[in-house]
Amino acid sequence: MGDVYRELPHQRNVRPVTGSRHLADHPARSAIRLPEGTWGANGDFSMWLGPETAWTWERMWPLEQAFWDVAGEALTQPAARPVLAQAVRSLLLTQSSDWQFIISTGAVVDYAVRRFTQHCLETEKLVAALTSGSGTSLEAGQQLTAELEQRDHLFPDVLPALAAALSGSRSLVLS
C-alpha cells in the first residue's frame, strides 16, 4: 500500500480522497434499496432465527431488558461499575450471533448451547447483583466479576460507551 501512495504524486489523474470527501464532492443522484440478505445459508435470516434457535431469542430478550432496566442506576454507583462492566461483557457474549449460526449448522451444537447458556446464566447473576431486592448482593456480583474477568475481560473500556448509549451522547465521561 505504501508503494501506491508514494507513486500518487507522479499520477496527474489520480488523487487520494476519503469516502466522505468523494461523496461530498459527488453527491448521489439516486438512492437504491438493498434487499434484506445475509451470507448465511439461503441468503435469509433462517440461520439465526429458525425453529432450532427460537429458544435462544426467547431467553435473550428478557435478559437484555433486565440489563437496561438496571444499567442507568448502576452506572451512578462507583461500587457497582465493575459489576456493570462485566454484565455488559457477558451480555455481548450472549448476543454473539455465532451461537445461533453454530446451532443451525448442526456442527458442535452442544458447544454452542453450552456457551450460550453459560453466558446467559452469568449475565443473569450479574444483573441480579445490580438489582435491589433481588436477593443477590452486590458483593456476590463483585466476586463473580473478579472470576469472570480472568476469562472474559474483553472491551476493558466498555463503561464510557455504555454511558454514552444511556445518555444519547458521545461525550459523557465517567469520573
Protein backbone atom coordinates (compact mmCIF):
# COMPACT_ATOMS: atom_id res chain seq x y z
CA MET A 1 0.00 0.00 0.00
CA GLY A 2 2.88 2.34 0.76
CA ASP A 3 4.11 1.99 -2.81
CA VAL A 4 0.75 3.17 -4.11
CA TYR A 5 0.84 6.35 -2.01
CA ARG A 6 4.46 7.07 -2.94
CA GLU A 7 3.50 6.83 -6.63
CA LEU A 8 0.46 9.11 -6.37
CA PRO A 9 2.33 12.43 -6.74
CA HIS A 10 3.51 11.22 -10.15
CA GLN A 11 -0.04 10.49 -11.36
CA ARG A 12 -1.91 13.51 -12.75
CA ASN A 13 -5.32 11.84 -12.99
CA VAL A 14 -5.39 10.13 -9.59
CA ARG A 15 -5.74 11.73 -6.18
CA PRO A 16 -6.44 10.07 -2.84
CA VAL A 17 -9.63 11.08 -1.05
CA THR A 18 -11.71 9.67 1.75
CA GLY A 19 -15.07 8.14 1.02
CA SER A 20 -16.85 11.02 2.77
CA ARG A 21 -14.88 13.61 0.75
CA HIS A 22 -15.77 11.88 -2.51
CA LEU A 23 -19.45 11.80 -1.58
CA ALA A 24 -19.34 15.49 -0.62
CA ASP A 25 -17.78 16.33 -3.98
CA HIS A 26 -20.06 13.98 -5.94
CA PRO A 27 -23.47 13.68 -4.26
CA ALA A 28 -25.57 10.67 -5.11
CA ARG A 29 -28.07 11.28 -7.91
CA SER A 30 -30.36 8.48 -6.83
CA ALA A 31 -30.87 6.10 -3.96
CA ILE A 32 -31.08 2.35 -4.08
CA ARG A 33 -32.83 0.00 -1.71
CA LEU A 34 -30.85 -3.07 -0.86
CA PRO A 35 -32.92 -6.17 -0.14
CA GLU A 36 -32.52 -7.89 3.18
CA GLY A 37 -29.97 -10.60 2.93
CA THR A 38 -27.15 -12.38 4.63
CA TRP A 39 -24.18 -14.55 3.87
CA GLY A 40 -25.82 -17.44 5.75
CA ALA A 41 -27.46 -20.39 4.05
CA ASN A 42 -30.46 -19.50 1.90
CA GLY A 43 -29.40 -15.83 1.88
CA ASP A 44 -32.00 -15.07 4.55
CA PHE A 45 -32.04 -14.93 8.35
CA SER A 46 -33.05 -18.55 8.93
CA MET A 47 -29.54 -19.38 10.18
CA TRP A 48 -30.11 -17.02 13.09
CA LEU A 49 -33.85 -17.18 13.63
CA GLY A 50 -35.33 -20.56 12.93
CA PRO A 51 -37.12 -23.31 14.81
CA GLU A 52 -33.91 -24.66 16.34
CA THR A 53 -32.78 -21.24 17.64
CA ALA A 54 -36.06 -19.59 18.68
CA TRP A 55 -35.43 -20.59 22.31
CA THR A 56 -32.21 -18.52 22.37
CA TRP A 57 -34.06 -15.33 21.48
CA GLU A 58 -36.83 -16.06 23.99
CA ARG A 59 -34.14 -16.32 26.65
CA MET A 60 -32.09 -13.35 25.48
CA TRP A 61 -34.76 -10.66 25.03
CA PRO A 62 -35.89 -10.55 28.69
CA LEU A 63 -32.24 -10.66 29.75
CA GLU A 64 -31.46 -7.62 27.61
CA GLN A 65 -34.45 -5.77 29.09
CA ALA A 66 -33.39 -6.63 32.64
CA PHE A 67 -29.91 -5.32 31.87
CA TRP A 68 -31.18 -1.99 30.53
CA ASP A 69 -33.55 -1.68 33.48
CA VAL A 70 -30.63 -1.62 35.96
CA ALA A 71 -27.82 -0.12 33.88
CA GLY A 72 -28.60 3.57 34.39
CA GLU A 73 -28.81 3.36 38.18
CA ALA A 74 -25.79 1.05 38.44
CA LEU A 75 -23.72 3.48 36.40
CA THR A 76 -24.21 6.15 39.08
CA GLN A 77 -22.76 3.90 41.80
CA PRO A 78 -18.96 3.60 41.72
CA ALA A 79 -19.02 0.28 43.65
CA ALA A 80 -21.41 -1.21 41.08
CA ARG A 81 -19.50 -0.12 37.98
CA PRO A 82 -17.12 -3.12 37.76
CA VAL A 83 -20.12 -5.47 38.02
CA LEU A 84 -21.97 -3.43 35.41
CA ALA A 85 -18.96 -3.54 33.08
CA GLN A 86 -18.77 -7.31 33.40
CA ALA A 87 -22.54 -7.56 32.85
CA VAL A 88 -22.05 -5.67 29.58
CA ARG A 89 -19.31 -8.09 28.54
CA SER A 90 -21.40 -11.12 29.43
CA LEU A 91 -24.40 -9.73 27.59
CA LEU A 92 -22.31 -9.04 24.49
CA LEU A 93 -21.00 -12.61 24.59
CA THR A 94 -24.58 -13.84 24.92
CA GLN A 95 -25.64 -11.74 21.93
CA SER A 96 -22.97 -13.08 19.61
CA SER A 97 -24.80 -14.34 16.55
CA ASP A 98 -22.33 -17.19 16.24
CA TRP A 99 -24.25 -19.26 18.79
CA GLN A 100 -27.37 -19.35 16.62
CA PHE A 101 -25.30 -19.87 13.49
CA ILE A 102 -23.44 -22.82 15.01
CA ILE A 103 -26.67 -24.36 16.27
CA SER A 104 -28.24 -24.02 12.82
CA THR A 105 -25.33 -25.68 11.05
CA GLY A 106 -25.68 -28.75 13.22
CA ALA A 107 -21.93 -28.77 13.91
CA VAL A 108 -20.85 -28.72 17.57
CA VAL A 109 -24.37 -27.80 18.69
CA ASP A 110 -23.65 -28.90 22.25
CA TYR A 111 -20.75 -26.43 22.45
CA ALA A 112 -22.85 -23.51 21.21
CA VAL A 113 -25.75 -24.37 23.52
CA ARG A 114 -23.38 -24.72 26.48
CA ARG A 115 -21.60 -21.42 25.83
CA PHE A 116 -24.81 -19.51 25.12
CA THR A 117 -26.43 -20.86 28.28
CA GLN A 118 -23.30 -20.14 30.32
CA HIS A 119 -23.20 -16.50 29.19
CA CYS A 120 -26.93 -16.14 29.90
CA LEU A 121 -26.54 -17.51 33.43
CA GLU A 122 -23.56 -15.26 34.14
CA THR A 123 -25.36 -12.20 32.82
CA GLU A 124 -28.45 -13.06 34.89
CA LYS A 125 -26.33 -13.33 38.06
CA LEU A 126 -24.55 -10.04 37.39
CA VAL A 127 -27.81 -8.22 36.62
CA ALA A 128 -29.35 -9.69 39.78
CA ALA A 129 -26.43 -8.32 41.80
CA LEU A 130 -27.22 -4.87 40.39
CA THR A 131 -30.94 -5.19 41.15
CA SER A 132 -32.08 -4.09 44.58
CA GLY A 133 -34.28 -6.60 46.30
CA SER A 134 -33.17 -9.47 44.04
CA GLY A 135 -31.68 -11.50 46.85
CA THR A 136 -28.25 -11.36 45.23
CA SER A 137 -25.81 -8.98 46.88
CA LEU A 138 -23.53 -6.56 45.13
CA GLU A 139 -20.66 -8.34 46.88
CA ALA A 140 -21.66 -11.60 45.19
CA GLY A 141 -21.63 -9.75 41.87
CA GLN A 142 -18.19 -8.32 42.64
CA GLN A 143 -16.87 -11.81 43.40
CA LEU A 144 -18.32 -13.22 40.17
CA THR A 145 -16.89 -10.24 38.29
CA ALA A 146 -13.42 -10.97 39.63
CA GLU A 147 -13.73 -14.59 38.48
CA LEU A 148 -15.09 -13.73 35.03
CA GLU A 149 -12.54 -11.00 34.39
CA GLN A 150 -9.90 -13.72 34.32
CA ARG A 151 -11.68 -15.37 31.39
CA ASP A 152 -13.78 -12.68 29.71
CA HIS A 153 -12.07 -9.31 30.06
CA LEU A 154 -12.75 -8.10 26.55
CA PHE A 155 -13.64 -4.44 25.98
CA PRO A 156 -11.84 -3.11 29.08
CA ASP A 157 -13.20 0.42 28.48
CA VAL A 158 -16.83 -0.54 27.93
CA LEU A 159 -18.41 1.80 30.50
CA PRO A 160 -17.93 5.10 28.63
CA ALA A 161 -19.66 3.56 25.61
CA LEU A 162 -22.48 2.31 27.84
CA ALA A 163 -22.79 5.74 29.46
CA ALA A 164 -22.96 7.35 26.04
CA ALA A 165 -25.64 4.89 24.93
CA LEU A 166 -27.69 5.60 28.04
CA SER A 167 -27.40 9.37 27.67
CA GLY A 168 -27.59 9.55 23.91
CA SER A 169 -24.30 11.46 24.00
CA ARG A 170 -20.85 10.52 22.80
CA SER A 171 -19.15 12.96 25.18
CA LEU A 172 -20.18 11.62 28.60
CA VAL A 173 -17.16 10.96 30.77
CA LEU A 174 -17.23 8.83 33.91
CA SER A 175 -15.49 10.23 36.96
